[in-house]
Amino acid sequence: WATLSHRWGQADILKSMNSNIQELETGIDVSKLPATFGDAIFLTRHFGLRYLWIDSLCIIQDSAEDWLKEAASMPNIYRNSYITIAAAATENSTGGIFVDRSWLSTSKPCRLPIQVPLAETHGILHFDVPFDANLDGKETNYLRTRAWCIQESLLSHRLLTFDTLQMSFTCVRHDLVESREMPHALAREGRNTFLEQFQGGAVSLRAGDGETLRRMIISWYDILYDYTRRDLTFSNDKLVAISGIASVVGTCIQDKYFAGIWKHDMPRALLWSPFEEETLLNAPHESRLPPTYRAPSWSWASIDSPI
């Protein structure tokens, strides 16, 4: 099967509800689906796949029981899918996947032959000359601001992204973009290192291998740095939206998880703080308490703020 990563936005799209689930199970009129879903169906068929998983249709949205069950299955849904289609070019699911390209040149790829002094070896240096260093990736990829989408991308063995500029493909070996050819070594830099590091499960960590454990914990903190800078439509999803990643990490490090913090690393994990608020008088971010209780005060999940 294929999976779809998309941004719901404020559009009123077709969703599975208790009131219509029986009707949808008998068949769905494709003409009633938003453009992004229709394009995803086209791609799924093009890949020769029979099934497509879309969260708004495969989870009964007004059923807390079904929602919790499917949320717990998220690691297996995305990690075991053949490919994840990321519809990143539009702000909501009515915009479609195949949109007019912005074609904004952000850099000029260059190849420069080099000769190593006092040696017979030589090679090619690959680099990009930026045209606009201030261009934010969030301006070209609408999924980069959504908290739920971080685990959808990291848990996917194959991620095919359509943003406003181009198409890209990321797997555990390469990160390829449509606009340029890259040598093998350069293409590996943007690969999915999360799955590469954690896909072995508990076997990935040998007994007494403290260095590997340290790197795994640091990877978790790197993910949190990105995750806490993303938006959630529903504040109470703070821990649930990253639970798939936590499940994979926990299986590898064989540790207990308490409200976003690993027991093994508890002393260091308690040293988190809202980003920049301790050092800047007029910090660009303001931490806020959620409207309802979400996590104990010692957890980073207790507030809405980058950490």
C-alpha atoms as a PDB file:
ATOM      1  CA  TRP A   1       0.000   0.000   0.000  1.00  0.00           C
ATOM      2  CA  ALA A   2       0.892   3.671  -0.314  1.00  0.00           C
ATOM      3  CA  THR A   3       0.406   6.312   2.363  1.00  0.00           C
ATOM      4  CA  LEU A   4      -0.448   9.989   1.928  1.00  0.00           C
ATOM      5  CA  SER A   5       1.096  12.804   3.940  1.00  0.00           C
ATOM      6  CA  HIS A   6      -0.904  15.970   3.440  1.00  0.00           C
ATOM      7  CA  ARG A   7      -2.022  19.177   5.073  1.00  0.00           C
ATOM      8  CA  TRP A   8      -5.701  19.320   5.977  1.00  0.00           C
ATOM      9  CA  GLY A   9      -5.853  23.111   6.234  1.00  0.00           C
ATOM     10  CA  GLN A  10      -9.195  24.788   6.818  1.00  0.00           C
ATOM     11  CA  ALA A  11     -10.916  23.117   3.867  1.00  0.00           C
ATOM     12  CA  ASP A  12     -14.027  21.031   4.488  1.00  0.00           C
ATOM     13  CA  ILE A  13     -12.924  17.668   3.083  1.00  0.00           C
ATOM     14  CA  LEU A  14     -14.599  14.275   3.094  1.00  0.00           C
ATOM     15  CA  LYS A  15     -13.867  12.456   6.360  1.00  0.00           C
ATOM     16  CA  SER A  16     -14.886   9.133   7.877  1.00  0.00           C
ATOM     17  CA  MET A  17     -17.397   9.690  10.655  1.00  0.00           C
ATOM     18  CA  ASN A  18     -19.638   7.390  12.648  1.00  0.00           C
ATOM     19  CA  SER A  19     -22.546   8.777  10.656  1.00  0.00           C
ATOM     20  CA  ASN A  20     -21.139   7.881   7.214  1.00  0.00           C
ATOM     21  CA  ILE A  21     -18.671   5.028   7.762  1.00  0.00           C
ATOM     22  CA  GLN A  22     -21.063   2.325   6.535  1.00  0.00           C
ATOM     23  CA  GLU A  23     -21.790   4.317   3.381  1.00  0.00           C
ATOM     24  CA  LEU A  24     -18.077   4.868   2.706  1.00  0.00           C
ATOM     25  CA  GLU A  25     -17.295   1.185   3.211  1.00  0.00           C
ATOM     26  CA  THR A  26     -19.628   0.300   0.340  1.00  0.00           C
ATOM     27  CA  GLY A  27     -17.747   2.611  -2.014  1.00  0.00           C
ATOM     28  CA  ILE A  28     -16.506   6.189  -2.396  1.00  0.00           C
ATOM     29  CA  ASP A  29     -17.397   8.473  -5.260  1.00  0.00           C
ATOM     30  CA  VAL A  30     -13.965   9.652  -6.392  1.00  0.00           C
ATOM     31  CA  SER A  31     -15.493  12.856  -7.766  1.00  0.00           C
ATOM     32  CA  LYS A  32     -16.351  13.867  -4.191  1.00  0.00           C
ATOM     33  CA  LEU A  33     -12.755  13.589  -3.032  1.00  0.00           C
ATOM     34  CA  PRO A  34     -10.502  16.673  -2.822  1.00  0.00           C
ATOM     35  CA  ALA A  35      -7.967  17.094  -5.629  1.00  0.00           C
ATOM     36  CA  THR A  36      -5.026  15.918  -3.514  1.00  0.00           C
ATOM     37  CA  PHE A  37      -6.729  12.596  -2.782  1.00  0.00           C
ATOM     38  CA  GLY A  38      -7.585  12.106  -6.462  1.00  0.00           C
ATOM     39  CA  ASP A  39      -3.976  12.765  -7.499  1.00  0.00           C
ATOM     40  CA  ALA A  40      -2.740  10.362  -4.799  1.00  0.00           C
ATOM     41  CA  ILE A  41      -5.057   7.654  -6.148  1.00  0.00           C
ATOM     42  CA  PHE A  42      -3.633   8.228  -9.637  1.00  0.00           C
ATOM     43  CA  LEU A  43      -0.069   7.821  -8.314  1.00  0.00           C
ATOM     44  CA  THR A  44      -0.974   4.723  -6.305  1.00  0.00           C
ATOM     45  CA  ARG A  45      -2.375   3.074  -9.432  1.00  0.00           C
ATOM     46  CA  HIS A  46       0.649   4.213 -11.425  1.00  0.00           C
ATOM     47  CA  PHE A  47       2.901   2.393  -8.932  1.00  0.00           C
ATOM     48  CA  GLY A  48       0.833  -0.754  -9.410  1.00  0.00           C
ATOM     49  CA  LEU A  49      -0.434  -0.684  -5.818  1.00  0.00           C
ATOM     50  CA  ARG A  50      -3.930  -1.634  -4.758  1.00  0.00           C
ATOM     51  CA  TYR A  51      -4.340   0.278  -1.491  1.00  0.00           C
ATOM     52  CA  LEU A  52      -3.875   3.868  -0.343  1.00  0.00           C
ATOM     53  CA  TRP A  53      -3.951   4.939   3.312  1.00  0.00           C
ATOM     54  CA  ILE A  54      -5.315   8.443   3.979  1.00  0.00           C
ATOM     55  CA  ASP A  55      -5.726   9.442   7.616  1.00  0.00           C
ATOM     56  CA  SER A  56      -8.954  11.411   7.208  1.00  0.00           C
ATOM     57  CA  LEU A  57     -10.639   8.425   5.532  1.00  0.00           C
ATOM     58  CA  CYS A  58      -8.974   5.490   7.314  1.00  0.00           C
ATOM     59  CA  ILE A  59      -9.556   6.829  10.835  1.00  0.00           C
ATOM     60  CA  ILE A  60     -13.088   7.485  12.119  1.00  0.00           C
ATOM     61  CA  GLN A  61     -12.611  11.105  13.086  1.00  0.00           C
ATOM     62  CA  ASP A  62     -15.306  11.349  15.773  1.00  0.00           C
ATOM     63  CA  SER A  63     -14.411   8.026  17.417  1.00  0.00           C
ATOM     64  CA  ALA A  64     -11.872   8.408  20.232  1.00  0.00           C
ATOM     65  CA  GLU A  65     -11.468   4.634  20.399  1.00  0.00           C
ATOM     66  CA  ASP A  66     -10.665   4.252  16.691  1.00  0.00           C
ATOM     67  CA  TRP A  67      -8.440   7.318  16.710  1.00  0.00           C
ATOM     68  CA  LEU A  68      -6.295   6.017  19.584  1.00  0.00           C
ATOM     69  CA  LYS A  69      -6.054   2.560  17.992  1.00  0.00           C
ATOM     70  CA  GLU A  70      -4.910   3.947  14.644  1.00  0.00           C
ATOM     71  CA  ALA A  71      -2.534   6.438  16.258  1.00  0.00           C
ATOM     72  CA  ALA A  72      -0.818   3.526  18.021  1.00  0.00           C
ATOM     73  CA  SER A  73      -0.527   1.747  14.648  1.00  0.00           C
ATOM     74  CA  MET A  74       1.092   4.741  12.944  1.00  0.00           C
ATOM     75  CA  PRO A  75       4.682   3.373  13.072  1.00  0.00           C
ATOM     76  CA  ASN A  76       3.636   0.201  11.252  1.00  0.00           C
ATOM     77  CA  ILE A  77       1.368   2.004   8.778  1.00  0.00           C
ATOM     78  CA  TYR A  78       4.085   4.332   7.461  1.00  0.00           C
ATOM     79  CA  ARG A  79       7.147   2.154   8.035  1.00  0.00           C
ATOM     80  CA  ASN A  80       5.632  -0.819   6.203  1.00  0.00           C
ATOM     81  CA  SER A  81       4.046   1.085   3.323  1.00  0.00           C
ATOM     82  CA  TYR A  82       5.641   0.772  -0.105  1.00  0.00           C
ATOM     83  CA  ILE A  83       5.881   4.536  -0.494  1.00  0.00           C
ATOM     84  CA  THR A  84       4.646   7.741   1.157  1.00  0.00           C
ATOM     85  CA  ILE A  85       3.344  10.459  -1.137  1.00  0.00           C
ATOM     86  CA  ALA A  86       3.925  13.889   0.402  1.00  0.00           C
ATOM     87  CA  ALA A  87       1.598  16.562  -0.978  1.00  0.00           C
ATOM     88  CA  ALA A  88       3.631  19.595   0.072  1.00  0.00           C
ATOM     89  CA  ALA A  89       2.797  22.145  -2.628  1.00  0.00           C
ATOM     90  CA  THR A  90      -0.527  23.434  -1.293  1.00  0.00           C
ATOM     91  CA  GLU A  91      -1.916  24.691   2.007  1.00  0.00           C
ATOM     92  CA  ASN A  92      -4.810  22.221   2.071  1.00  0.00           C
ATOM     93  CA  SER A  93      -6.040  19.041   0.408  1.00  0.00           C
ATOM     94  CA  THR A  94      -8.124  20.798  -2.224  1.00  0.00           C
ATOM     95  CA  GLY A  95      -5.040  22.112  -4.060  1.00  0.00           C
ATOM     96  CA  GLY A  96      -3.877  18.827  -5.553  1.00  0.00           C
ATOM     97  CA  ILE A  97      -0.429  17.313  -5.945  1.00  0.00           C
ATOM     98  CA  PHE A  98       0.327  18.236  -9.566  1.00  0.00           C
ATOM     99  CA  VAL A  99       0.370  22.036  -9.371  1.00  0.00           C
ATOM    100  CA  ASP A 100       1.966  24.754 -11.464  1.00  0.00           C
ATOM    101  CA  ARG A 101       5.623  25.044 -10.479  1.00  0.00           C
ATOM    102  CA  SER A 102       6.962  28.212  -8.943  1.00  0.00           C
ATOM    103  CA  TRP A 103      10.298  27.610 -10.685  1.00  0.00           C
ATOM    104  CA  LEU A 104      12.133  29.933  -8.366  1.00  0.00           C
ATOM    105  CA  SER A 105      15.845  29.381  -8.787  1.00  0.00           C
ATOM    106  CA  THR A 106      17.422  29.306  -5.354  1.00  0.00           C
ATOM    107  CA  SER A 107      20.916  28.225  -6.300  1.00  0.00           C
ATOM    108  CA  LYS A 108      23.245  27.351  -9.134  1.00  0.00           C
ATOM    109  CA  PRO A 109      24.804  23.868  -8.890  1.00  0.00           C
ATOM    110  CA  CYS A 110      28.448  23.944  -9.950  1.00  0.00           C
ATOM    111  CA  ARG A 111      31.187  21.375 -10.535  1.00  0.00           C
ATOM    112  CA  LEU A 112      34.799  22.447 -10.147  1.00  0.00           C
ATOM    113  CA  PRO A 113      37.743  20.198 -11.088  1.00  0.00           C
ATOM    114  CA  ILE A 114      40.404  20.222  -8.354  1.00  0.00           C
ATOM    115  CA  GLN A 115      43.999  19.025  -8.111  1.00  0.00           C
ATOM    116  CA  VAL A 116      45.437  18.119  -4.712  1.00  0.00           C
ATOM    117  CA  PRO A 117      48.848  19.836  -4.250  1.00  0.00           C
ATOM    118  CA  LEU A 118      51.877  17.545  -4.076  1.00  0.00           C
ATOM    119  CA  ALA A 119      49.755  14.549  -5.093  1.00  0.00           C
ATOM    120  CA  GLU A 120      48.666  12.807  -8.239  1.00  0.00           C
ATOM    121  CA  THR A 121      45.021  12.563  -7.165  1.00  0.00           C
ATOM    122  CA  HIS A 122      42.347  14.881  -8.496  1.00  0.00           C
ATOM    123  CA  GLY A 123      38.558  15.039  -8.483  1.00  0.00           C
ATOM    124  CA  ILE A 124      35.426  17.139  -8.792  1.00  0.00           C
ATOM    125  CA  LEU A 125      34.134  19.522  -6.122  1.00  0.00           C
ATOM    126  CA  HIS A 126      30.324  19.852  -6.101  1.00  0.00           C
ATOM    127  CA  PHE A 127      28.732  22.949  -4.526  1.00  0.00           C
ATOM    128  CA  ASP A 128      25.794  25.340  -4.893  1.00  0.00           C
ATOM    129  CA  VAL A 129      25.973  29.111  -5.184  1.00  0.00           C
ATOM    130  CA  PRO A 130      22.890  30.472  -3.364  1.00  0.00           C
ATOM    131  CA  PHE A 131      20.875  33.182  -5.061  1.00  0.00           C
ATOM    132  CA  ASP A 132      18.647  33.892  -2.059  1.00  0.00           C
ATOM    133  CA  ALA A 133      20.012  32.706   1.266  1.00  0.00           C
ATOM    134  CA  ASN A 134      16.903  34.034   3.029  1.00  0.00           C
ATOM    135  CA  LEU A 135      14.523  31.645   1.268  1.00  0.00           C
ATOM    136  CA  ASP A 136      12.946  29.423   3.924  1.00  0.00           C
ATOM    137  CA  GLY A 137      12.102  25.816   3.100  1.00  0.00           C
ATOM    138  CA  LYS A 138       8.712  26.443   4.697  1.00  0.00           C
ATOM    139  CA  GLU A 139       7.905  28.713   1.745  1.00  0.00           C
ATOM    140  CA  THR A 140       8.263  25.831  -0.698  1.00  0.00           C
ATOM    141  CA  ASN A 141       7.125  22.866   1.420  1.00  0.00           C
ATOM    142  CA  TYR A 142       3.903  23.373   3.383  1.00  0.00           C
ATOM    143  CA  LEU A 143       4.383  20.146   5.351  1.00  0.00           C
ATOM    144  CA  ARG A 144       7.515  21.395   7.118  1.00  0.00           C
ATOM    145  CA  THR A 145       5.435  23.441   9.542  1.00  0.00           C
ATOM    146  CA  ARG A 146       3.091  20.597  10.535  1.00  0.00           C
ATOM    147  CA  ALA A 147       3.987  18.540  13.623  1.00  0.00           C
ATOM    148  CA  TRP A 148       2.173  15.376  12.514  1.00  0.00           C
ATOM    149  CA  CYS A 149       4.161  15.285   9.267  1.00  0.00           C
ATOM    150  CA  ILE A 150       7.567  14.837  10.882  1.00  0.00           C
ATOM    151  CA  GLN A 151       6.879  11.239  11.883  1.00  0.00           C
ATOM    152  CA  GLU A 152       5.117  10.531   8.611  1.00  0.00           C
ATOM    153  CA  SER A 153       8.318  11.425   6.759  1.00  0.00           C
ATOM    154  CA  LEU A 154      10.848   9.874   9.158  1.00  0.00           C
ATOM    155  CA  LEU A 155       8.977   6.568   9.386  1.00  0.00           C
ATOM    156  CA  SER A 156       8.737   6.188   5.594  1.00  0.00           C
ATOM    157  CA  HIS A 157      11.291   4.022   3.802  1.00  0.00           C
ATOM    158  CA  ARG A 158      10.447   5.822   0.551  1.00  0.00           C
ATOM    159  CA  LEU A 159       9.201   9.417   0.539  1.00  0.00           C
ATOM    160  CA  LEU A 160       8.114  11.042  -2.729  1.00  0.00           C
ATOM    161  CA  THR A 161       7.600  14.769  -2.140  1.00  0.00           C
ATOM    162  CA  PHE A 162       5.879  17.234  -4.442  1.00  0.00           C
ATOM    163  CA  ASP A 163       6.542  20.817  -3.278  1.00  0.00           C
ATOM    164  CA  THR A 164       6.066  24.154  -5.016  1.00  0.00           C
ATOM    165  CA  LEU A 165       9.403  23.937  -6.837  1.00  0.00           C
ATOM    166  CA  GLN A 166      10.059  20.327  -7.738  1.00  0.00           C
ATOM    167  CA  MET A 167       9.745  16.634  -6.956  1.00  0.00           C
ATOM    168  CA  SER A 168      12.165  14.859  -4.610  1.00  0.00           C
ATOM    169  CA  PHE A 169      12.705  11.294  -3.456  1.00  0.00           C
ATOM    170  CA  THR A 170      14.157  10.303  -0.086  1.00  0.00           C
ATOM    171  CA  CYS A 171      14.992   6.811   1.154  1.00  0.00           C
ATOM    172  CA  VAL A 172      17.509   5.228   3.524  1.00  0.00           C
ATOM    173  CA  ARG A 173      20.202   5.426   0.842  1.00  0.00           C
ATOM    174  CA  HIS A 174      19.670   8.661  -1.076  1.00  0.00           C
ATOM    175  CA  ASP A 175      17.950  12.025  -1.229  1.00  0.00           C
ATOM    176  CA  LEU A 176      17.382  12.918  -4.882  1.00  0.00           C
ATOM    177  CA  VAL A 177      15.914  16.120  -6.297  1.00  0.00           C
ATOM    178  CA  GLU A 178      14.470  16.782  -9.708  1.00  0.00           C
ATOM    179  CA  SER A 179      16.488  19.911 -10.454  1.00  0.00           C
ATOM    180  CA  ARG A 180      19.976  18.452 -10.466  1.00  0.00           C
ATOM    181  CA  GLU A 181      22.113  15.367 -10.783  1.00  0.00           C
ATOM    182  CA  MET A 182      24.138  14.576  -7.681  1.00  0.00           C
ATOM    183  CA  PRO A 183      27.041  12.203  -7.164  1.00  0.00           C
ATOM    184  CA  HIS A 184      26.447   9.227  -4.895  1.00  0.00           C
ATOM    185  CA  ALA A 185      28.294  10.687  -1.887  1.00  0.00           C
ATOM    186  CA  LEU A 186      26.389  13.977  -2.064  1.00  0.00           C
ATOM    187  CA  ALA A 187      23.020  12.281  -2.511  1.00  0.00           C
ATOM    188  CA  ARG A 188      23.601  10.256   0.652  1.00  0.00           C
ATOM    189  CA  GLU A 189      23.836  13.353   2.836  1.00  0.00           C
ATOM    190  CA  GLY A 190      20.088  13.976   2.801  1.00  0.00           C
ATOM    191  CA  ARG A 191      19.026  10.333   3.182  1.00  0.00           C
ATOM    192  CA  ASN A 192      16.645   9.132   5.901  1.00  0.00           C
ATOM    193  CA  THR A 193      19.190   8.633   8.660  1.00  0.00           C
ATOM    194  CA  PHE A 194      16.486   8.017  11.279  1.00  0.00           C
ATOM    195  CA  LEU A 195      15.404   4.692   9.791  1.00  0.00           C
ATOM    196  CA  GLU A 196      19.007   3.841   9.000  1.00  0.00           C
ATOM    197  CA  GLN A 197      19.852   4.283  12.679  1.00  0.00           C
ATOM    198  CA  PHE A 198      16.764   2.753  14.273  1.00  0.00           C
ATOM    199  CA  GLN A 199      15.290   0.236  11.832  1.00  0.00           C
ATOM    200  CA  GLY A 200      17.176  -2.685  13.418  1.00  0.00           C
ATOM    201  CA  GLY A 201      15.093  -2.490  16.595  1.00  0.00           C
ATOM    202  CA  ALA A 202      16.703  -3.666  19.813  1.00  0.00           C
ATOM    203  CA  VAL A 203      19.363  -5.467  17.727  1.00  0.00           C
ATOM    204  CA  SER A 204      20.706  -2.022  16.744  1.00  0.00           C
ATOM    205  CA  LEU A 205      22.066  -1.538  20.263  1.00  0.00           C
ATOM    206  CA  ARG A 206      24.561  -4.046  21.620  1.00  0.00           C
ATOM    207  CA  ALA A 207      24.895  -4.626  25.345  1.00  0.00           C
ATOM    208  CA  GLY A 208      27.310  -2.129  26.852  1.00  0.00           C
ATOM    209  CA  ASP A 209      27.491   0.004  23.694  1.00  0.00           C
ATOM    210  CA  GLY A 210      27.236   3.365  25.410  1.00  0.00           C
ATOM    211  CA  GLU A 211      28.371   5.386  22.372  1.00  0.00           C
ATOM    212  CA  THR A 212      25.587   4.062  20.133  1.00  0.00           C
ATOM    213  CA  LEU A 213      23.054   4.720  22.900  1.00  0.00           C
ATOM    214  CA  ARG A 214      24.372   8.272  23.265  1.00  0.00           C
ATOM    215  CA  ARG A 215      23.987   8.909  19.517  1.00  0.00           C
ATOM    216  CA  MET A 216      20.438   7.548  19.573  1.00  0.00           C
ATOM    217  CA  ILE A 217      19.441   9.823  22.437  1.00  0.00           C
ATOM    218  CA  ILE A 218      21.011  12.831  20.683  1.00  0.00           C
ATOM    219  CA  SER A 219      19.026  11.950  17.538  1.00  0.00           C
ATOM    220  CA  TRP A 220      15.852  12.003  19.652  1.00  0.00           C
ATOM    221  CA  TYR A 221      16.703  15.494  20.922  1.00  0.00           C
ATOM    222  CA  ASP A 222      17.426  16.690  17.374  1.00  0.00           C
ATOM    223  CA  ILE A 223      13.949  15.500  16.361  1.00  0.00           C
ATOM    224  CA  LEU A 224      12.371  17.286  19.344  1.00  0.00           C
ATOM    225  CA  TYR A 225      14.146  20.504  18.334  1.00  0.00           C
ATOM    226  CA  ASP A 226      12.400  20.350  14.945  1.00  0.00           C
ATOM    227  CA  TYR A 227       9.112  18.950  16.260  1.00  0.00           C
ATOM    228  CA  THR A 228       8.516  21.641  18.892  1.00  0.00           C
ATOM    229  CA  ARG A 229       8.869  24.311  16.205  1.00  0.00           C
ATOM    230  CA  ARG A 230       5.949  22.902  14.224  1.00  0.00           C
ATOM    231  CA  ASP A 231       2.237  23.606  14.490  1.00  0.00           C
ATOM    232  CA  LEU A 232      -0.574  21.458  15.817  1.00  0.00           C
ATOM    233  CA  THR A 233      -4.221  22.116  15.072  1.00  0.00           C
ATOM    234  CA  PHE A 234      -5.199  20.399  18.307  1.00  0.00           C
ATOM    235  CA  SER A 235      -2.919  21.156  21.247  1.00  0.00           C
ATOM    236  CA  ASN A 236      -3.679  17.861  22.980  1.00  0.00           C
ATOM    237  CA  ASP A 237      -1.973  15.983  20.119  1.00  0.00           C
ATOM    238  CA  LYS A 238       1.440  17.102  21.405  1.00  0.00           C
ATOM    239  CA  LEU A 239       2.555  13.670  22.624  1.00  0.00           C
ATOM    240  CA  VAL A 240       0.393  11.579  20.290  1.00  0.00           C
ATOM    241  CA  ALA A 241       1.781  13.180  17.118  1.00  0.00           C
ATOM    242  CA  ILE A 242       5.293  12.007  17.954  1.00  0.00           C
ATOM    243  CA  SER A 243       4.317   8.700  19.568  1.00  0.00           C
ATOM    244  CA  GLY A 244       5.233   6.710  16.451  1.00  0.00           C
ATOM    245  CA  ILE A 245       8.816   7.952  16.563  1.00  0.00           C
ATOM    246  CA  ALA A 246       8.941   7.406  20.328  1.00  0.00           C
ATOM    247  CA  SER A 247       7.792   3.809  19.828  1.00  0.00           C
ATOM    248  CA  VAL A 248      10.605   3.101  17.361  1.00  0.00           C
ATOM    249  CA  VAL A 249      13.231   4.789  19.545  1.00  0.00           C
ATOM    250  CA  GLY A 250      11.995   3.004  22.668  1.00  0.00           C
ATOM    251  CA  THR A 251      12.207  -0.388  20.976  1.00  0.00           C
ATOM    252  CA  CYS A 252      15.853   0.277  20.132  1.00  0.00           C
ATOM    253  CA  ILE A 253      17.089   1.727  23.417  1.00  0.00           C
ATOM    254  CA  GLN A 254      14.890  -0.566  25.567  1.00  0.00           C
ATOM    255  CA  ASP A 255      13.928   2.249  27.912  1.00  0.00           C
ATOM    256  CA  LYS A 256      10.789   3.487  29.649  1.00  0.00           C
ATOM    257  CA  TYR A 257       9.116   6.653  28.335  1.00  0.00           C
ATOM    258  CA  PHE A 258       7.500   9.187  30.657  1.00  0.00           C
ATOM    259  CA  ALA A 259       5.614  12.092  29.024  1.00  0.00           C
ATOM    260  CA  GLY A 260       8.241  12.629  26.328  1.00  0.00           C
ATOM    261  CA  ILE A 261      11.296  11.844  28.470  1.00  0.00           C
ATOM    262  CA  TRP A 262      13.391   8.671  28.617  1.00  0.00           C
ATOM    263  CA  LYS A 263      14.109   7.262  32.071  1.00  0.00           C
ATOM    264  CA  HIS A 264      17.722   6.400  31.190  1.00  0.00           C
ATOM    265  CA  ASP A 265      18.462  10.033  30.321  1.00  0.00           C
ATOM    266  CA  MET A 266      16.187  11.647  32.894  1.00  0.00           C
ATOM    267  CA  PRO A 267      18.727  14.019  34.555  1.00  0.00           C
ATOM    268  CA  ARG A 268      19.784  15.593  31.244  1.00  0.00           C
ATOM    269  CA  ALA A 269      16.266  15.488  29.796  1.00  0.00           C
ATOM    270  CA  LEU A 270      15.000  17.671  32.655  1.00  0.00           C
ATOM    271  CA  LEU A 271      17.360  20.484  31.606  1.00  0.00           C
ATOM    272  CA  TRP A 272      15.133  21.578  28.701  1.00  0.00           C
ATOM    273  CA  SER A 273      13.945  25.185  28.577  1.00  0.00           C
ATOM    274  CA  PRO A 274      11.716  27.307  26.303  1.00  0.00           C
ATOM    275  CA  PHE A 275      13.853  28.450  23.396  1.00  0.00           C
ATOM    276  CA  GLU A 276      15.714  31.750  24.003  1.00  0.00           C
ATOM    277  CA  GLU A 277      13.416  32.905  26.816  1.00  0.00           C
ATOM    278  CA  GLU A 278      16.155  32.533  29.411  1.00  0.00           C
ATOM    279  CA  THR A 279      18.739  34.570  27.504  1.00  0.00           C
ATOM    280  CA  LEU A 280      16.787  37.192  25.514  1.00  0.00           C
ATOM    281  CA  LEU A 281      14.689  39.970  26.987  1.00  0.00           C
ATOM    282  CA  ASN A 282      12.427  40.122  23.942  1.00  0.00           C
ATOM    283  CA  ALA A 283      12.458  36.529  22.772  1.00  0.00           C
ATOM    284  CA  PRO A 284      10.785  35.878  19.392  1.00  0.00           C
ATOM    285  CA  HIS A 285       8.930  32.916  20.924  1.00  0.00           C
ATOM    286  CA  GLU A 286       6.551  33.050  23.851  1.00  0.00           C
ATOM    287  CA  SER A 287       5.792  29.857  25.713  1.00  0.00           C
ATOM    288  CA  ARG A 288       2.136  29.181  26.492  1.00  0.00           C
ATOM    289  CA  LEU A 289       0.381  26.692  28.678  1.00  0.00           C
ATOM    290  CA  PRO A 290      -2.143  24.513  26.842  1.00  0.00           C
ATOM    291  CA  PRO A 291      -5.846  25.168  27.530  1.00  0.00           C
ATOM    292  CA  THR A 292      -6.146  21.797  29.277  1.00  0.00           C
ATOM    293  CA  TYR A 293      -3.654  19.640  31.187  1.00  0.00           C
ATOM    294  CA  ARG A 294      -1.418  17.686  28.821  1.00  0.00           C
ATOM    295  CA  ALA A 295       1.736  16.659  30.667  1.00  0.00           C
ATOM    296  CA  PRO A 296       3.497  17.267  34.019  1.00  0.00           C
ATOM    297  CA  SER A 297       5.385  20.541  34.347  1.00  0.00           C
ATOM    298  CA  TRP A 298       8.779  18.816  34.182  1.00  0.00           C
ATOM    299  CA  SER A 299       8.061  17.630  30.623  1.00  0.00           C
ATOM    300  CA  TRP A 300       8.734  19.660  27.478  1.00  0.00           C
ATOM    301  CA  ALA A 301       5.246  18.589  26.350  1.00  0.00           C
ATOM    302  CA  SER A 302       3.659  20.669  29.125  1.00  0.00           C
ATOM    303  CA  ILE A 303       3.985  23.925  27.165  1.00  0.00           C
ATOM    304  CA  ASP A 304       3.554  25.187  23.618  1.00  0.00           C
ATOM    305  CA  SER A 305       6.972  26.524  22.718  1.00  0.00           C
ATOM    306  CA  PRO A 306      10.117  25.613  20.824  1.00  0.00           C
ATOM    307  CA  ILE A 307      12.674  24.087  23.196  1.00  0.00           C
END
